[in-house]
PDB file of N, CA and C in Angstrom:
ATOM      1  N   MET A   1       0.794  -1.316   0.246  1.00  0.00           N
ATOM      2  CA  MET A   1       0.340   0.004   0.026  1.00  0.00           C
ATOM      3  C   MET A   1       0.808   1.351  -0.219  1.00  0.00           C
ATOM      4  N   ALA A   2       1.966   1.262   0.850  1.00  0.00           N
ATOM      5  CA  ALA A   2       2.612   2.303   1.066  1.00  0.00           C
ATOM      6  C   ALA A   2       3.316   2.764  -0.430  1.00  0.00           C
ATOM      7  N   ILE A   3       3.831   1.537  -1.148  1.00  0.00           N
ATOM      8  CA  ILE A   3       4.168   2.052  -2.451  1.00  0.00           C
ATOM      9  C   ILE A   3       3.146   2.111  -3.718  1.00  0.00           C
ATOM     10  N   LEU A   4       2.294   2.174  -3.375  1.00  0.00           N
ATOM     11  CA  LEU A   4       0.906   2.064  -4.559  1.00  0.00           C
ATOM     12  C   LEU A   4       0.503   4.107  -4.307  1.00  0.00           C
ATOM     13  N   VAL A   5       0.345   4.398  -2.797  1.00  0.00           N
ATOM     14  CA  VAL A   5       0.344   5.582  -2.492  1.00  0.00           C
ATOM     15  C   VAL A   5       1.395   6.636  -2.476  1.00  0.00           C
ATOM     16  N   ASN A   6       2.299   6.475  -2.994  1.00  0.00           N
ATOM     17  CA  ASN A   6       3.989   6.943  -3.265  1.00  0.00           C
ATOM     18  C   ASN A   6       3.947   8.104  -2.577  1.00  0.00           C
ATOM     19  N   GLU A   7       4.132   8.390  -1.670  1.00  0.00           N
ATOM     20  CA  GLU A   7       4.431   9.512  -0.407  1.00  0.00           C
ATOM     21  C   GLU A   7       5.725   9.083  -0.122  1.00  0.00           C
ATOM     22  N   PHE A   8       6.389   7.992  -0.249  1.00  0.00           N
ATOM     23  CA  PHE A   8       8.150   8.038   0.292  1.00  0.00           C
ATOM     24  C   PHE A   8       8.462   7.405  -1.343  1.00  0.00           C
ATOM     25  N   THR A   9       9.850   7.542  -1.030  1.00  0.00           N
ATOM     26  CA  THR A   9      10.636   6.982  -1.875  1.00  0.00           C
ATOM     27  C   THR A   9      11.082   6.020  -1.364  1.00  0.00           C
ATOM     28  N   PHE A  10      10.753   4.755  -2.476  1.00  0.00           N
ATOM     29  CA  PHE A  10      11.356   3.368  -2.518  1.00  0.00           C
ATOM     30  C   PHE A  10      12.361   3.663  -3.305  1.00  0.00           C
ATOM     31  N   THR A  11      13.418   2.415  -3.756  1.00  0.00           N
ATOM     32  CA  THR A  11      14.332   2.108  -4.468  1.00  0.00           C
ATOM     33  C   THR A  11      13.649   1.382  -5.648  1.00  0.00           C
ATOM     34  N   PRO A  12      14.080   1.442  -6.515  1.00  0.00           N
ATOM     35  CA  PRO A  12      13.519   0.469  -8.013  1.00  0.00           C
ATOM     36  C   PRO A  12      13.515  -1.131  -7.470  1.00  0.00           C
ATOM     37  N   HIS A  13      14.255  -1.655  -6.886  1.00  0.00           N
ATOM     38  CA  HIS A  13      14.130  -3.127  -6.444  1.00  0.00           C
ATOM     39  C   HIS A  13      13.131  -3.341  -5.453  1.00  0.00           C
ATOM     40  N   GLN A  14      12.961  -1.962  -4.515  1.00  0.00           N
ATOM     41  CA  GLN A  14      11.677  -2.262  -3.604  1.00  0.00           C
ATOM     42  C   GLN A  14      10.431  -2.039  -4.132  1.00  0.00           C
ATOM     43  N   ILE A  15       9.861  -1.649  -5.471  1.00  0.00           N
ATOM     44  CA  ILE A  15       8.993  -1.136  -6.286  1.00  0.00           C
ATOM     45  C   ILE A  15       8.623  -2.667  -6.806  1.00  0.00           C
ATOM     46  N   LYS A  16       9.591  -3.139  -7.249  1.00  0.00           N
ATOM     47  CA  LYS A  16       9.611  -4.182  -8.405  1.00  0.00           C
ATOM     48  C   LYS A  16       9.383  -5.572  -7.309  1.00  0.00           C
ATOM     49  N   SER A  17       9.673  -5.666  -6.613  1.00  0.00           N
ATOM     50  CA  SER A  17       9.477  -6.802  -5.684  1.00  0.00           C
ATOM     51  C   SER A  17       8.623  -6.852  -4.531  1.00  0.00           C
ATOM     52  N   ASP A  18       7.650  -5.570  -4.275  1.00  0.00           N
ATOM     53  CA  ASP A  18       7.104  -5.498  -3.051  1.00  0.00           C
ATOM     54  C   ASP A  18       7.237  -5.849  -1.916  1.00  0.00           C
ATOM     55  N   TRP A  19       8.603  -5.376  -1.838  1.00  0.00           N
ATOM     56  CA  TRP A  19       9.083  -5.926  -0.701  1.00  0.00           C
ATOM     57  C   TRP A  19       9.720  -4.746   0.089  1.00  0.00           C
ATOM     58  N   LEU A  20       9.548  -4.273   1.064  1.00  0.00           N
ATOM     59  CA  LEU A  20      10.023  -3.192   1.760  1.00  0.00           C
ATOM     60  C   LEU A  20      11.001  -3.497   2.719  1.00  0.00           C
ATOM     61  N   GLY A  21      11.159  -4.997   3.047  1.00  0.00           N
ATOM     62  CA  GLY A  21      12.092  -5.341   4.089  1.00  0.00           C
ATOM     63  C   GLY A  21      13.656  -5.222   3.677  1.00  0.00           C
ATOM     64  N   ASN A  22      14.463  -5.203   4.762  1.00  0.00           N
ATOM     65  CA  ASN A  22      16.074  -5.228   4.157  1.00  0.00           C
ATOM     66  C   ASN A  22      15.963  -7.155   3.916  1.00  0.00           C
ATOM     67  N   ASN A  23      17.912  -7.460   3.450  1.00  0.00           N
ATOM     68  CA  ASN A  23      18.003  -8.470   3.409  1.00  0.00           C
ATOM     69  C   ASN A  23      17.797  -9.214   4.807  1.00  0.00           C
ATOM     70  N   PRO A  24      17.557 -10.553   4.533  1.00  0.00           N
ATOM     71  CA  PRO A  24      18.151 -11.457   6.101  1.00  0.00           C
ATOM     72  C   PRO A  24      18.965 -11.229   6.525  1.00  0.00           C
ATOM     73  N   SER A  25      19.364 -11.417   7.837  1.00  0.00           N
ATOM     74  CA  SER A  25      20.867 -11.640   9.081  1.00  0.00           C
ATOM     75  C   SER A  25      20.922 -13.431   8.731  1.00  0.00           C
ATOM     76  N   THR A  26      22.252 -13.155   8.648  1.00  0.00           N
ATOM     77  CA  THR A  26      22.455 -14.886   8.802  1.00  0.00           C
ATOM     78  C   THR A  26      22.659 -15.303   9.890  1.00  0.00           C
ATOM     79  N   GLU A  27      22.723 -16.266  10.272  1.00  0.00           N
ATOM     80  CA  GLU A  27      22.962 -16.725  11.679  1.00  0.00           C
ATOM     81  C   GLU A  27      24.445 -16.718  12.488  1.00  0.00           C
ATOM     82  N   THR A  28      25.321 -16.092  11.571  1.00  0.00           N
ATOM     83  CA  THR A  28      26.442 -15.424  12.434  1.00  0.00           C
ATOM     84  C   THR A  28      26.424 -14.127  12.616  1.00  0.00           C
ATOM     85  N   GLN A  29      25.379 -13.268  11.735  1.00  0.00           N
ATOM     86  CA  GLN A  29      24.946 -12.135  12.026  1.00  0.00           C
ATOM     87  C   GLN A  29      24.746 -11.851  13.397  1.00  0.00           C
ATOM     88  N   ILE A  30      23.655 -12.863  13.624  1.00  0.00           N
ATOM     89  CA  ILE A  30      22.630 -13.318  14.658  1.00  0.00           C
ATOM     90  C   ILE A  30      23.555 -13.272  15.826  1.00  0.00           C
ATOM     91  N   LEU A  31      24.340 -14.251  15.919  1.00  0.00           N
ATOM     92  CA  LEU A  31      25.175 -14.792  17.080  1.00  0.00           C
ATOM     93  C   LEU A  31      26.434 -13.610  17.144  1.00  0.00           C
ATOM     94  N   GLU A  32      26.715 -12.781  16.599  1.00  0.00           N
ATOM     95  CA  GLU A  32      27.727 -11.577  16.950  1.00  0.00           C
ATOM     96  C   GLU A  32      27.070 -10.621  17.422  1.00  0.00           C
ATOM     97  N   LEU A  33      25.581 -10.284  17.187  1.00  0.00           N
ATOM     98  CA  LEU A  33      25.087  -9.546  17.899  1.00  0.00           C
ATOM     99  C   LEU A  33      24.645  -9.715  19.254  1.00  0.00           C
ATOM    100  N   GLU A  34      24.138 -11.205  19.461  1.00  0.00           N
ATOM    101  CA  GLU A  34      23.818 -11.515  20.632  1.00  0.00           C
ATOM    102  C   GLU A  34      25.203 -11.562  21.696  1.00  0.00           C
ATOM    103  N   ALA A  35      26.276 -12.149  21.197  1.00  0.00           N
ATOM    104  CA  ALA A  35      27.669 -11.812  21.704  1.00  0.00           C
ATOM    105  C   ALA A  35      27.553 -10.527  22.245  1.00  0.00           C
ATOM    106  N   ARG A  36      27.370  -9.488  21.122  1.00  0.00           N
ATOM    107  CA  ARG A  36      28.044  -7.332  21.486  1.00  0.00           C
ATOM    108  C   ARG A  36      27.216  -7.728  22.784  1.00  0.00           C
ATOM    109  N   LEU A  37      25.617  -7.708  22.244  1.00  0.00           N
ATOM    110  CA  LEU A  37      24.617  -7.313  23.490  1.00  0.00           C
ATOM    111  C   LEU A  37      24.750  -7.673  24.912  1.00  0.00           C
ATOM    112  N   GLY A  38      25.630  -8.846  24.821  1.00  0.00           N
ATOM    113  CA  GLY A  38      25.739  -9.455  26.028  1.00  0.00           C
ATOM    114  C   GLY A  38      24.481 -10.733  26.519  1.00  0.00           C
ATOM    115  N   LEU A  39      23.715 -11.331  25.279  1.00  0.00           N
ATOM    116  CA  LEU A  39      22.220 -11.442  25.883  1.00  0.00           C
ATOM    117  C   LEU A  39      21.980 -12.236  24.445  1.00  0.00           C
ATOM    118  N   SER A  40      21.053 -13.546  24.781  1.00  0.00           N
ATOM    119  CA  SER A  40      20.303 -14.164  23.887  1.00  0.00           C
ATOM    120  C   SER A  40      18.636 -13.672  23.612  1.00  0.00           C
ATOM    121  N   LEU A  41      18.466 -13.107  22.599  1.00  0.00           N
ATOM    122  CA  LEU A  41      17.631 -12.773  21.647  1.00  0.00           C
ATOM    123  C   LEU A  41      16.585 -13.827  21.705  1.00  0.00           C
ATOM    124  N   PRO A  42      15.177 -13.347  21.614  1.00  0.00           N
ATOM    125  CA  PRO A  42      13.939 -14.014  21.937  1.00  0.00           C
ATOM    126  C   PRO A  42      13.572 -14.926  20.770  1.00  0.00           C
ATOM    127  N   LEU A  43      12.918 -15.795  20.914  1.00  0.00           N
ATOM    128  CA  LEU A  43      13.119 -16.942  19.644  1.00  0.00           C
ATOM    129  C   LEU A  43      12.738 -16.281  18.351  1.00  0.00           C
ATOM    130  N   ASP A  44      11.323 -16.022  18.895  1.00  0.00           N
ATOM    131  CA  ASP A  44      10.477 -14.798  17.683  1.00  0.00           C
ATOM    132  C   ASP A  44      11.152 -13.452  16.959  1.00  0.00           C
ATOM    133  N   TYR A  45      12.278 -12.992  17.597  1.00  0.00           N
ATOM    134  CA  TYR A  45      12.775 -11.803  16.919  1.00  0.00           C
ATOM    135  C   TYR A  45      13.894 -12.363  16.425  1.00  0.00           C
ATOM    136  N   ARG A  46      14.558 -13.395  16.441  1.00  0.00           N
ATOM    137  CA  ARG A  46      15.556 -14.405  15.906  1.00  0.00           C
ATOM    138  C   ARG A  46      14.978 -14.919  14.555  1.00  0.00           C
ATOM    139  N   ILE A  47      13.552 -15.284  14.432  1.00  0.00           N
ATOM    140  CA  ILE A  47      12.961 -15.049  13.360  1.00  0.00           C
ATOM    141  C   ILE A  47      12.620 -14.086  12.592  1.00  0.00           C
ATOM    142  N   PHE A  48      12.291 -13.407  13.043  1.00  0.00           N
ATOM    143  CA  PHE A  48      12.193 -12.272  12.020  1.00  0.00           C
ATOM    144  C   PHE A  48      13.370 -11.251  11.674  1.00  0.00           C
ATOM    145  N   LEU A  49      14.422 -11.522  12.556  1.00  0.00           N
ATOM    146  CA  LEU A  49      15.766 -11.123  11.419  1.00  0.00           C
ATOM    147  C   LEU A  49      16.263 -12.083  10.650  1.00  0.00           C
ATOM    148  N   SER A  50      15.783 -13.419  10.626  1.00  0.00           N
ATOM    149  CA  SER A  50      16.237 -14.080   9.851  1.00  0.00           C
ATOM    150  C   SER A  50      15.306 -14.048   8.362  1.00  0.00           C
ATOM    151  N   ILE A  51      14.211 -13.350   8.724  1.00  0.00           N
ATOM    152  CA  ILE A  51      13.604 -13.183   7.281  1.00  0.00           C
ATOM    153  C   ILE A  51      13.715 -11.790   6.947  1.00  0.00           C
ATOM    154  N   THR A  52      13.525 -10.667   7.844  1.00  0.00           N
ATOM    155  CA  THR A  52      13.989  -9.699   6.908  1.00  0.00           C
ATOM    156  C   THR A  52      14.903  -8.824   8.472  1.00  0.00           C
ATOM    157  N   ASN A  53      16.145  -8.193   8.076  1.00  0.00           N
ATOM    158  CA  ASN A  53      16.797  -7.512   8.988  1.00  0.00           C
ATOM    159  C   ASN A  53      16.101  -6.133   9.462  1.00  0.00           C
ATOM    160  N   GLY A  54      14.653  -6.041   9.212  1.00  0.00           N
ATOM    161  CA  GLY A  54      14.325  -5.104   9.556  1.00  0.00           C
ATOM    162  C   GLY A  54      13.315  -4.308   8.148  1.00  0.00           C
ATOM    163  N   PHE A  55      12.916  -3.327   8.592  1.00  0.00           N
ATOM    164  CA  PHE A  55      12.262  -2.348   7.141  1.00  0.00           C
ATOM    165  C   PHE A  55      12.700  -1.026   7.054  1.00  0.00           C
ATOM    166  N   SER A  56      12.960  -0.948   5.688  1.00  0.00           N
ATOM    167  CA  SER A  56      13.211   0.718   5.476  1.00  0.00           C
ATOM    168  C   SER A  56      12.206   1.374   5.910  1.00  0.00           C
ATOM    169  N   ALA A  57      13.051   2.871   6.414  1.00  0.00           N
ATOM    170  CA  ALA A  57      11.733   3.939   6.997  1.00  0.00           C
ATOM    171  C   ALA A  57      11.891   4.891   5.933  1.00  0.00           C
ATOM    172  N   PRO A  58      10.643   4.828   5.601  1.00  0.00           N
ATOM    173  CA  PRO A  58       9.740   5.555   4.981  1.00  0.00           C
ATOM    174  C   PRO A  58      10.051   7.295   5.378  1.00  0.00           C
TER     175      PRO A  58
END
């Protein structure tokens, strides 16, 4: 819907793919993040990161 409304600037790739998310995090990146933070992330957040490492901020 955000792409259709066209109120924000999206990359050509985001428009073509209809996906506003970032590339997924690798397991190594998630483990490095947990080590840097000194904690274990909740499973549902780890799954979220493995699908998309966040979304672009319009």
